[in-house]
């Protein structure tokens, strides 16, 4: 998920650069969202590695991981809703879908947190929704792949940082209607 988060961060930055709507606020929110989601998955690893029933510090580490994962992934979901709604080339049904999934995940997390012993199903439903959310990101990359910028980033090339070069034609993301 950290790689998907980095890819989405790049995609949002490239979109605003292409639209000439780049601002410090949008870059800052995008960066905070990416950091929150990467930290959330660090929490997920802690949650998975340390069981509540193990002796010693394992239960405390498990709960720290749970708070990190559910809290920070919820923050990412809310920030991503805002960032996605600022991108005009995605159809409304995509924006609605990407709004409903994180909000439902947050609601399930809150229900579970109120009475964990009675609402264990909501914890697993939250995790399942988070997995579905990750899969949904493929829709965003079908609309705007930003493949050149991603290749430059992951292959450690400085490149032209998303600007068109003299040798390549302009690439605008397709608009779904």
N, C-alpha and C. Protein backbone atom coordinates (compact mmCIF):
# COMPACT_ATOMS: atom_id res chain seq x y z
N UNK A 1 0.81 -1.19 0.00
CA UNK A 1 0.00 0.00 0.00
C UNK A 1 0.86 1.26 0.00
N UNK A 2 2.03 1.17 0.57
CA UNK A 2 2.90 2.35 0.58
C UNK A 2 3.27 2.76 -0.84
N UNK A 3 3.46 1.79 -1.71
CA UNK A 3 3.79 2.10 -3.11
C UNK A 3 2.59 2.73 -3.80
N UNK A 4 1.40 2.21 -3.55
CA UNK A 4 0.19 2.80 -4.13
C UNK A 4 0.01 4.22 -3.62
N UNK A 5 0.28 4.43 -2.35
CA UNK A 5 0.17 5.77 -1.77
C UNK A 5 1.15 6.73 -2.44
N UNK A 6 2.38 6.30 -2.63
CA UNK A 6 3.38 7.14 -3.30
C UNK A 6 2.95 7.43 -4.74
N UNK A 7 2.42 6.41 -5.42
CA UNK A 7 1.97 6.60 -6.80
C UNK A 7 0.82 7.60 -6.87
N UNK A 8 -0.11 7.49 -5.94
CA UNK A 8 -1.26 8.41 -5.92
C UNK A 8 -0.78 9.83 -5.58
N UNK A 9 0.17 9.97 -4.69
CA UNK A 9 0.73 11.27 -4.36
C UNK A 9 1.31 11.92 -5.61
N UNK A 10 2.07 11.15 -6.37
CA UNK A 10 2.66 11.66 -7.61
C UNK A 10 1.57 12.03 -8.60
N UNK A 11 0.55 11.18 -8.72
CA UNK A 11 -0.53 11.42 -9.67
C UNK A 11 -1.26 12.74 -9.35
N UNK A 12 -1.52 13.00 -8.09
CA UNK A 12 -2.20 14.24 -7.70
C UNK A 12 -1.31 15.45 -8.00
N UNK A 13 -0.03 15.35 -7.68
CA UNK A 13 0.90 16.46 -7.97
C UNK A 13 1.00 16.73 -9.46
N UNK A 14 1.06 15.67 -10.27
CA UNK A 14 1.16 15.83 -11.72
C UNK A 14 -0.11 16.48 -12.26
N UNK A 15 -1.27 16.05 -11.77
CA UNK A 15 -2.53 16.65 -12.23
C UNK A 15 -2.53 18.16 -12.00
N UNK A 16 -2.18 18.58 -10.78
CA UNK A 16 -2.21 20.02 -10.49
C UNK A 16 -1.14 20.77 -11.26
N UNK A 17 -0.02 20.14 -11.52
CA UNK A 17 1.01 20.78 -12.34
C UNK A 17 0.50 20.97 -13.76
N UNK A 18 -0.15 19.94 -14.32
CA UNK A 18 -0.69 20.04 -15.69
C UNK A 18 -1.78 21.09 -15.79
N UNK A 19 -2.62 21.17 -14.76
CA UNK A 19 -3.74 22.12 -14.78
C UNK A 19 -3.33 23.52 -14.36
N UNK A 20 -2.08 23.67 -13.98
CA UNK A 20 -1.55 24.93 -13.48
C UNK A 20 -2.36 25.41 -12.26
N UNK A 21 -2.79 24.44 -11.45
CA UNK A 21 -3.54 24.76 -10.23
C UNK A 21 -2.77 24.34 -8.99
N UNK A 22 -1.45 24.18 -9.17
CA UNK A 22 -0.60 23.74 -8.08
C UNK A 22 -0.47 24.86 -7.05
N UNK A 23 -0.62 24.49 -5.79
CA UNK A 23 -0.46 25.46 -4.71
C UNK A 23 0.26 24.78 -3.55
N UNK A 24 0.80 25.58 -2.67
CA UNK A 24 1.47 25.02 -1.50
C UNK A 24 0.50 24.24 -0.62
N UNK A 25 -0.72 24.74 -0.52
CA UNK A 25 -1.72 24.07 0.31
C UNK A 25 -2.03 22.68 -0.23
N UNK A 26 -2.24 22.56 -1.53
CA UNK A 26 -2.56 21.26 -2.12
C UNK A 26 -1.36 20.30 -1.98
N UNK A 27 -0.17 20.80 -2.21
CA UNK A 27 1.01 19.95 -2.06
C UNK A 27 1.17 19.50 -0.61
N UNK A 28 0.92 20.42 0.33
CA UNK A 28 1.03 20.10 1.75
C UNK A 28 -0.02 19.05 2.15
N UNK A 29 -1.27 19.25 1.75
CA UNK A 29 -2.32 18.28 2.07
C UNK A 29 -2.02 16.92 1.45
N UNK A 30 -1.53 16.92 0.23
CA UNK A 30 -1.18 15.67 -0.45
C UNK A 30 -0.04 14.97 0.30
N UNK A 31 0.94 15.73 0.74
CA UNK A 31 2.06 15.15 1.48
C UNK A 31 1.60 14.60 2.83
N UNK A 32 0.78 15.36 3.55
CA UNK A 32 0.26 14.90 4.85
C UNK A 32 -0.56 13.63 4.66
N UNK A 33 -1.38 13.59 3.62
CA UNK A 33 -2.19 12.40 3.35
C UNK A 33 -1.28 11.19 3.09
N UNK A 34 -0.26 11.37 2.29
CA UNK A 34 0.65 10.26 1.98
C UNK A 34 1.39 9.77 3.23
N UNK A 35 1.89 10.70 4.02
CA UNK A 35 2.59 10.32 5.25
C UNK A 35 1.65 9.59 6.21
N UNK A 36 0.42 10.10 6.33
CA UNK A 36 -0.57 9.46 7.22
C UNK A 36 -0.86 8.04 6.77
N UNK A 37 -1.01 7.82 5.47
CA UNK A 37 -1.35 6.48 4.99
C UNK A 37 -0.17 5.51 5.12
N UNK A 38 1.02 5.98 4.88
CA UNK A 38 2.19 5.12 5.05
C UNK A 38 2.36 4.76 6.52
N UNK A 39 2.17 5.73 7.42
CA UNK A 39 2.25 5.45 8.85
C UNK A 39 1.12 4.52 9.28
N UNK A 40 -0.05 4.64 8.65
CA UNK A 40 -1.17 3.74 8.96
C UNK A 40 -0.79 2.30 8.67
N UNK A 41 -0.09 2.08 7.58
CA UNK A 41 0.29 0.71 7.24
C UNK A 41 1.46 0.20 8.07
N UNK A 42 2.24 1.09 8.65
CA UNK A 42 3.22 0.67 9.67
C UNK A 42 2.44 0.15 10.87
N UNK A 43 1.38 0.87 11.24
CA UNK A 43 0.51 0.41 12.31
C UNK A 43 -0.14 -0.92 11.99
N UNK A 44 -0.51 -1.12 10.73
CA UNK A 44 -1.11 -2.39 10.32
C UNK A 44 -0.13 -3.55 10.51
N UNK A 45 1.14 -3.31 10.20
CA UNK A 45 2.16 -4.35 10.39
C UNK A 45 2.29 -4.68 11.88
N UNK A 46 2.29 -3.65 12.73
CA UNK A 46 2.35 -3.89 14.18
C UNK A 46 1.12 -4.66 14.65
N UNK A 47 -0.01 -4.29 14.12
CA UNK A 47 -1.27 -4.94 14.47
C UNK A 47 -1.23 -6.42 14.09
N UNK A 48 -0.67 -6.71 12.94
CA UNK A 48 -0.62 -8.10 12.47
C UNK A 48 0.45 -8.92 13.17
N UNK A 49 1.57 -8.32 13.51
CA UNK A 49 2.68 -9.07 14.09
C UNK A 49 2.51 -9.39 15.58
N UNK A 50 1.83 -8.53 16.30
CA UNK A 50 1.71 -8.70 17.74
C UNK A 50 0.27 -9.04 18.11
N UNK A 51 0.10 -10.21 18.71
CA UNK A 51 -1.22 -10.70 19.07
C UNK A 51 -1.59 -10.25 20.48
N UNK A 52 -2.87 -10.08 20.71
CA UNK A 52 -3.37 -9.67 22.02
C UNK A 52 -3.07 -10.74 23.08
N UNK A 53 -3.07 -11.99 22.67
CA UNK A 53 -2.92 -13.10 23.62
C UNK A 53 -1.47 -13.43 23.96
N UNK A 54 -0.51 -12.78 23.32
CA UNK A 54 0.90 -13.05 23.61
C UNK A 54 1.30 -12.39 24.93
N UNK A 55 2.30 -12.95 25.60
CA UNK A 55 2.73 -12.35 26.86
C UNK A 55 3.59 -11.10 26.64
N UNK A 56 3.80 -10.36 27.70
CA UNK A 56 4.69 -9.20 27.66
C UNK A 56 4.02 -7.97 27.07
N UNK A 57 4.79 -7.25 26.25
CA UNK A 57 4.33 -5.99 25.66
C UNK A 57 3.49 -6.17 24.40
N UNK A 58 3.29 -7.38 23.95
CA UNK A 58 2.57 -7.63 22.69
C UNK A 58 1.18 -7.00 22.64
N UNK A 59 0.35 -7.13 23.69
CA UNK A 59 -0.98 -6.51 23.61
C UNK A 59 -0.92 -4.99 23.45
N UNK A 60 0.00 -4.33 24.15
CA UNK A 60 0.11 -2.88 24.03
C UNK A 60 0.55 -2.49 22.61
N UNK A 61 1.51 -3.21 22.08
CA UNK A 61 1.98 -2.92 20.72
C UNK A 61 0.85 -3.18 19.72
N UNK A 62 0.07 -4.23 19.94
CA UNK A 62 -1.07 -4.54 19.07
C UNK A 62 -2.05 -3.37 19.06
N UNK A 63 -2.38 -2.85 20.24
CA UNK A 63 -3.33 -1.74 20.32
C UNK A 63 -2.76 -0.45 19.73
N UNK A 64 -1.47 -0.20 19.94
CA UNK A 64 -0.84 0.97 19.31
C UNK A 64 -0.95 0.85 17.79
N UNK A 65 -0.66 -0.33 17.26
CA UNK A 65 -0.79 -0.55 15.83
C UNK A 65 -2.22 -0.35 15.35
N UNK A 66 -3.19 -0.83 16.14
CA UNK A 66 -4.60 -0.66 15.77
C UNK A 66 -4.99 0.81 15.72
N UNK A 67 -4.58 1.58 16.75
CA UNK A 67 -4.89 3.01 16.76
C UNK A 67 -4.23 3.72 15.59
N UNK A 68 -2.98 3.36 15.32
CA UNK A 68 -2.28 3.97 14.18
C UNK A 68 -3.00 3.65 12.88
N UNK A 69 -3.30 2.37 12.67
CA UNK A 69 -3.90 1.95 11.41
C UNK A 69 -5.26 2.58 11.19
N UNK A 70 -6.16 2.39 12.14
CA UNK A 70 -7.52 2.88 11.94
C UNK A 70 -7.60 4.41 11.96
N UNK A 71 -6.84 5.04 12.84
CA UNK A 71 -6.87 6.50 12.92
C UNK A 71 -6.26 7.18 11.70
N UNK A 72 -5.06 6.73 11.34
CA UNK A 72 -4.36 7.39 10.23
C UNK A 72 -4.94 7.02 8.87
N UNK A 73 -5.44 5.80 8.71
CA UNK A 73 -6.07 5.47 7.42
C UNK A 73 -7.38 6.25 7.27
N UNK A 74 -8.08 6.52 8.39
CA UNK A 74 -9.26 7.37 8.33
C UNK A 74 -8.91 8.79 7.93
N UNK A 75 -7.82 9.31 8.50
CA UNK A 75 -7.35 10.64 8.13
C UNK A 75 -6.99 10.69 6.64
N UNK A 76 -6.31 9.66 6.16
CA UNK A 76 -5.97 9.60 4.73
C UNK A 76 -7.24 9.60 3.88
N UNK A 77 -8.22 8.80 4.30
CA UNK A 77 -9.47 8.73 3.54
C UNK A 77 -10.14 10.09 3.41
N UNK A 78 -10.20 10.83 4.51
CA UNK A 78 -10.84 12.15 4.49
C UNK A 78 -10.03 13.13 3.63
N UNK A 79 -8.72 13.15 3.80
CA UNK A 79 -7.89 14.04 2.98
C UNK A 79 -7.96 13.66 1.50
N UNK A 80 -8.01 12.37 1.23
CA UNK A 80 -8.07 11.92 -0.16
C UNK A 80 -9.39 12.32 -0.80
N UNK A 81 -10.47 12.30 -0.04
CA UNK A 81 -11.77 12.76 -0.57
C UNK A 81 -11.63 14.20 -1.05
N UNK A 82 -11.05 15.04 -0.23
CA UNK A 82 -10.86 16.45 -0.60
C UNK A 82 -9.98 16.58 -1.84
N UNK A 83 -8.85 15.88 -1.84
CA UNK A 83 -7.92 15.96 -2.97
C UNK A 83 -8.55 15.44 -4.26
N UNK A 84 -9.32 14.36 -4.16
CA UNK A 84 -9.97 13.78 -5.34
C UNK A 84 -11.04 14.72 -5.90
N UNK A 85 -11.78 15.36 -5.03
CA UNK A 85 -12.85 16.25 -5.49
C UNK A 85 -12.29 17.48 -6.20
N UNK A 86 -11.04 17.81 -5.97
CA UNK A 86 -10.40 18.94 -6.67
C UNK A 86 -9.94 18.54 -8.09
N UNK A 87 -9.99 17.27 -8.42
CA UNK A 87 -9.59 16.81 -9.74
C UNK A 87 -10.84 16.66 -10.60
N UNK A 88 -10.89 17.41 -11.67
CA UNK A 88 -12.12 17.48 -12.47
C UNK A 88 -12.26 16.37 -13.50
N UNK A 89 -11.23 15.62 -13.79
CA UNK A 89 -11.33 14.63 -14.86
C UNK A 89 -11.89 13.28 -14.42
N UNK A 90 -12.25 13.14 -13.15
CA UNK A 90 -12.89 11.91 -12.69
C UNK A 90 -14.39 12.10 -12.66
N UNK A 91 -15.16 11.11 -13.11
CA UNK A 91 -16.62 11.25 -13.10
C UNK A 91 -17.17 11.24 -11.68
N UNK A 92 -18.37 11.74 -11.54
CA UNK A 92 -18.99 11.89 -10.22
C UNK A 92 -19.15 10.54 -9.51
N UNK A 93 -19.47 9.45 -10.25
CA UNK A 93 -19.66 8.16 -9.58
C UNK A 93 -18.36 7.68 -8.94
N UNK A 94 -17.22 8.00 -9.51
CA UNK A 94 -15.94 7.64 -8.91
C UNK A 94 -15.73 8.43 -7.62
N UNK A 95 -16.05 9.70 -7.66
CA UNK A 95 -15.90 10.53 -6.47
C UNK A 95 -16.84 10.08 -5.36
N UNK A 96 -18.07 9.70 -5.72
CA UNK A 96 -19.01 9.20 -4.72
C UNK A 96 -18.51 7.90 -4.12
N UNK A 97 -18.03 7.00 -4.96
CA UNK A 97 -17.49 5.72 -4.48
C UNK A 97 -16.31 5.94 -3.54
N UNK A 98 -15.40 6.83 -3.93
CA UNK A 98 -14.22 7.11 -3.11
C UNK A 98 -14.55 7.96 -1.88
N UNK A 99 -15.77 8.45 -1.79
CA UNK A 99 -16.22 9.12 -0.57
C UNK A 99 -16.91 8.13 0.37
N UNK A 100 -17.75 7.27 -0.20
CA UNK A 100 -18.51 6.33 0.63
C UNK A 100 -17.65 5.28 1.32
N UNK A 101 -16.66 4.75 0.61
CA UNK A 101 -15.85 3.67 1.19
C UNK A 101 -15.08 4.14 2.43
N UNK A 102 -14.33 5.24 2.39
CA UNK A 102 -13.62 5.64 3.61
C UNK A 102 -14.56 6.10 4.73
N UNK A 103 -15.67 6.75 4.39
CA UNK A 103 -16.59 7.17 5.44
C UNK A 103 -17.26 5.97 6.11
N UNK A 104 -17.58 4.95 5.33
CA UNK A 104 -18.14 3.72 5.90
C UNK A 104 -17.09 3.02 6.76
N UNK A 105 -15.85 3.02 6.32
CA UNK A 105 -14.76 2.43 7.11
C UNK A 105 -14.62 3.15 8.45
N UNK A 106 -14.66 4.47 8.42
CA UNK A 106 -14.56 5.25 9.66
C UNK A 106 -15.75 4.94 10.58
N UNK A 107 -16.95 4.86 10.01
CA UNK A 107 -18.13 4.55 10.81
C UNK A 107 -18.01 3.17 11.47
N UNK A 108 -17.55 2.19 10.72
CA UNK A 108 -17.37 0.84 11.27
C UNK A 108 -16.30 0.84 12.37
N UNK A 109 -15.27 1.61 12.18
CA UNK A 109 -14.21 1.70 13.19
C UNK A 109 -14.74 2.32 14.48
N UNK A 110 -15.55 3.34 14.35
CA UNK A 110 -16.12 3.99 15.54
C UNK A 110 -17.07 3.02 16.26
N UNK A 111 -17.89 2.33 15.50
CA UNK A 111 -18.82 1.35 16.11
C UNK A 111 -18.03 0.28 16.87
N UNK A 112 -16.95 -0.18 16.24
CA UNK A 112 -16.12 -1.19 16.92
C UNK A 112 -15.46 -0.62 18.17
N UNK A 113 -14.98 0.61 18.09
CA UNK A 113 -14.24 1.20 19.21
C UNK A 113 -15.14 1.42 20.43
N UNK A 114 -16.43 1.63 20.21
CA UNK A 114 -17.35 1.87 21.32
C UNK A 114 -17.46 0.63 22.22
N UNK A 115 -17.69 -0.52 21.60
CA UNK A 115 -17.80 -1.78 22.36
C UNK A 115 -17.10 -2.88 21.58
N UNK A 116 -15.78 -2.99 21.72
CA UNK A 116 -15.03 -3.96 20.91
C UNK A 116 -15.47 -5.42 21.10
N UNK A 117 -15.83 -5.79 22.30
CA UNK A 117 -16.19 -7.19 22.55
C UNK A 117 -17.47 -7.57 21.81
N UNK A 118 -18.41 -6.65 21.70
CA UNK A 118 -19.70 -6.93 21.08
C UNK A 118 -19.70 -6.69 19.58
N UNK A 119 -18.78 -5.91 19.09
CA UNK A 119 -18.80 -5.49 17.68
C UNK A 119 -17.57 -5.94 16.90
N UNK A 120 -17.09 -7.13 17.18
CA UNK A 120 -15.87 -7.62 16.52
C UNK A 120 -16.01 -7.69 15.00
N UNK A 121 -17.21 -7.93 14.52
CA UNK A 121 -17.43 -8.01 13.07
C UNK A 121 -17.13 -6.67 12.39
N UNK A 122 -17.37 -5.57 13.09
CA UNK A 122 -17.11 -4.26 12.50
C UNK A 122 -15.61 -4.01 12.31
N UNK A 123 -14.78 -4.57 13.16
CA UNK A 123 -13.33 -4.45 12.98
C UNK A 123 -12.93 -5.10 11.66
N UNK A 124 -13.42 -6.30 11.42
CA UNK A 124 -13.05 -7.02 10.21
C UNK A 124 -13.70 -6.40 8.97
N UNK A 125 -14.89 -5.84 9.15
CA UNK A 125 -15.53 -5.15 8.03
C UNK A 125 -14.71 -3.92 7.65
N UNK A 126 -14.16 -3.22 8.65
CA UNK A 126 -13.29 -2.06 8.38
C UNK A 126 -12.04 -2.47 7.60
N UNK A 127 -11.45 -3.58 8.01
CA UNK A 127 -10.25 -4.07 7.32
C UNK A 127 -10.60 -4.47 5.89
N UNK A 128 -11.74 -5.14 5.71
CA UNK A 128 -12.16 -5.55 4.36
C UNK A 128 -12.42 -4.33 3.48
N UNK A 129 -13.07 -3.31 4.03
CA UNK A 129 -13.30 -2.08 3.26
C UNK A 129 -11.99 -1.40 2.89
N UNK A 130 -11.03 -1.43 3.80
CA UNK A 130 -9.72 -0.83 3.49
C UNK A 130 -9.05 -1.57 2.33
N UNK A 131 -9.19 -2.89 2.30
CA UNK A 131 -8.62 -3.67 1.19
C UNK A 131 -9.34 -3.35 -0.12
N UNK A 132 -10.64 -3.21 -0.06
CA UNK A 132 -11.41 -2.84 -1.25
C UNK A 132 -10.99 -1.46 -1.74
N UNK A 133 -10.77 -0.56 -0.80
CA UNK A 133 -10.35 0.81 -1.12
C UNK A 133 -9.03 0.81 -1.90
N UNK A 134 -8.10 -0.02 -1.47
CA UNK A 134 -6.82 -0.13 -2.17
C UNK A 134 -7.06 -0.61 -3.61
N UNK A 135 -7.92 -1.60 -3.77
CA UNK A 135 -8.22 -2.11 -5.11
C UNK A 135 -8.88 -1.07 -6.01
N UNK A 136 -9.67 -0.19 -5.41
CA UNK A 136 -10.35 0.83 -6.19
C UNK A 136 -9.40 1.84 -6.83
N UNK A 137 -8.20 1.94 -6.28
CA UNK A 137 -7.24 2.90 -6.83
C UNK A 137 -6.89 2.59 -8.28
N UNK A 138 -7.10 1.36 -8.69
CA UNK A 138 -6.84 1.02 -10.09
C UNK A 138 -7.71 1.85 -11.03
N UNK A 139 -8.91 2.21 -10.59
CA UNK A 139 -9.79 3.06 -11.41
C UNK A 139 -9.12 4.41 -11.66
N UNK A 140 -8.52 4.96 -10.63
CA UNK A 140 -7.89 6.27 -10.76
C UNK A 140 -6.71 6.22 -11.73
N UNK A 141 -5.99 5.10 -11.75
CA UNK A 141 -4.85 4.98 -12.65
C UNK A 141 -5.27 4.59 -14.06
N UNK A 142 -6.47 4.06 -14.24
CA UNK A 142 -6.98 3.82 -15.59
C UNK A 142 -7.31 5.14 -16.27
N UNK A 143 -7.83 6.09 -15.51
CA UNK A 143 -8.20 7.39 -16.07
C UNK A 143 -6.95 8.22 -16.36
N UNK A 144 -6.00 8.22 -15.44
CA UNK A 144 -4.79 9.04 -15.60
C UNK A 144 -3.60 8.25 -15.08
N UNK A 145 -2.91 7.57 -15.98
CA UNK A 145 -1.86 6.64 -15.55
C UNK A 145 -0.57 7.33 -15.09
N UNK A 146 -0.30 8.51 -15.53
CA UNK A 146 0.95 9.24 -15.26
C UNK A 146 2.16 8.30 -15.31
N UNK A 147 2.14 7.40 -16.27
CA UNK A 147 3.18 6.36 -16.35
C UNK A 147 4.59 6.92 -16.53
N UNK A 148 4.74 7.99 -17.30
CA UNK A 148 6.08 8.56 -17.49
C UNK A 148 6.64 9.10 -16.17
N UNK A 149 5.81 9.81 -15.43
CA UNK A 149 6.26 10.39 -14.17
C UNK A 149 6.55 9.30 -13.14
N UNK A 150 5.72 8.25 -13.12
CA UNK A 150 5.95 7.15 -12.18
C UNK A 150 7.22 6.40 -12.52
N UNK A 151 7.44 6.19 -13.82
CA UNK A 151 8.68 5.52 -14.24
C UNK A 151 9.89 6.35 -13.83
N UNK A 152 9.81 7.65 -14.05
CA UNK A 152 10.92 8.52 -13.66
C UNK A 152 11.17 8.47 -12.15
N UNK A 153 10.11 8.46 -11.37
CA UNK A 153 10.25 8.43 -9.91
C UNK A 153 10.82 7.10 -9.43
N UNK A 154 10.23 5.99 -9.87
CA UNK A 154 10.66 4.69 -9.36
C UNK A 154 11.97 4.21 -9.96
N UNK A 155 12.35 4.76 -11.09
CA UNK A 155 13.65 4.39 -11.69
C UNK A 155 14.71 5.44 -11.37
N UNK A 156 14.40 6.33 -10.47
CA UNK A 156 15.34 7.36 -9.99
C UNK A 156 15.87 8.25 -11.11
N UNK A 157 15.01 8.62 -12.01
CA UNK A 157 15.39 9.53 -13.08
C UNK A 157 14.84 10.90 -12.75
N UNK A 158 15.63 11.88 -12.94
CA UNK A 158 15.16 13.23 -12.68
C UNK A 158 14.19 13.66 -13.75
N UNK A 159 14.46 13.33 -14.98
CA UNK A 159 13.55 13.60 -16.10
C UNK A 159 13.14 15.05 -16.19
N UNK A 160 11.95 15.24 -16.75
CA UNK A 160 11.45 16.59 -16.93
C UNK A 160 10.38 16.93 -15.90
N UNK A 161 10.25 16.14 -14.85
CA UNK A 161 9.36 16.39 -13.70
C UNK A 161 7.93 16.66 -14.13
N UNK A 162 7.45 15.87 -15.11
CA UNK A 162 6.05 15.96 -15.49
C UNK A 162 5.76 16.95 -16.60
N UNK A 163 6.72 17.77 -17.00
CA UNK A 163 6.50 18.72 -18.08
C UNK A 163 6.76 18.03 -19.40
N UNK A 164 6.06 18.47 -20.42
CA UNK A 164 6.26 17.87 -21.74
C UNK A 164 7.65 18.21 -22.25
N UNK A 165 8.26 17.23 -22.86
CA UNK A 165 9.56 17.50 -23.48
C UNK A 165 9.33 17.85 -24.95
N UNK A 166 10.37 18.28 -25.61
CA UNK A 166 10.23 18.65 -27.02
C UNK A 166 9.97 17.43 -27.89
N UNK A 167 10.42 16.26 -27.46
CA UNK A 167 10.30 15.06 -28.29
C UNK A 167 9.01 14.26 -28.04
N UNK A 168 8.28 14.56 -26.98
CA UNK A 168 7.08 13.75 -26.71
C UNK A 168 5.83 14.60 -26.85
N UNK A 169 4.78 13.99 -27.39
CA UNK A 169 3.54 14.75 -27.53
C UNK A 169 2.90 14.98 -26.16
N UNK A 170 2.06 15.99 -26.11
CA UNK A 170 1.37 16.31 -24.85
C UNK A 170 0.42 15.18 -24.47
N UNK A 171 0.44 14.79 -23.20
CA UNK A 171 -0.44 13.72 -22.71
C UNK A 171 -1.45 14.33 -21.76
N UNK A 172 -2.69 14.36 -22.14
CA UNK A 172 -3.73 14.83 -21.24
C UNK A 172 -4.54 13.62 -20.82
N UNK A 173 -4.97 13.59 -19.57
CA UNK A 173 -5.74 12.44 -19.12
C UNK A 173 -7.10 12.39 -19.81
N UNK A 174 -7.58 11.20 -20.17
CA UNK A 174 -8.89 11.11 -20.80
C UNK A 174 -9.99 11.43 -19.79
N UNK A 175 -11.06 11.95 -20.26
CA UNK A 175 -12.18 12.31 -19.38
C UNK A 175 -13.30 11.30 -19.59
N UNK A 176 -13.68 10.63 -18.52
CA UNK A 176 -14.80 9.68 -18.58
C UNK A 176 -16.09 10.44 -18.43
N UNK A 177 -17.07 10.12 -19.26
CA UNK A 177 -18.37 10.77 -19.13
C UNK A 177 -19.46 9.75 -19.06
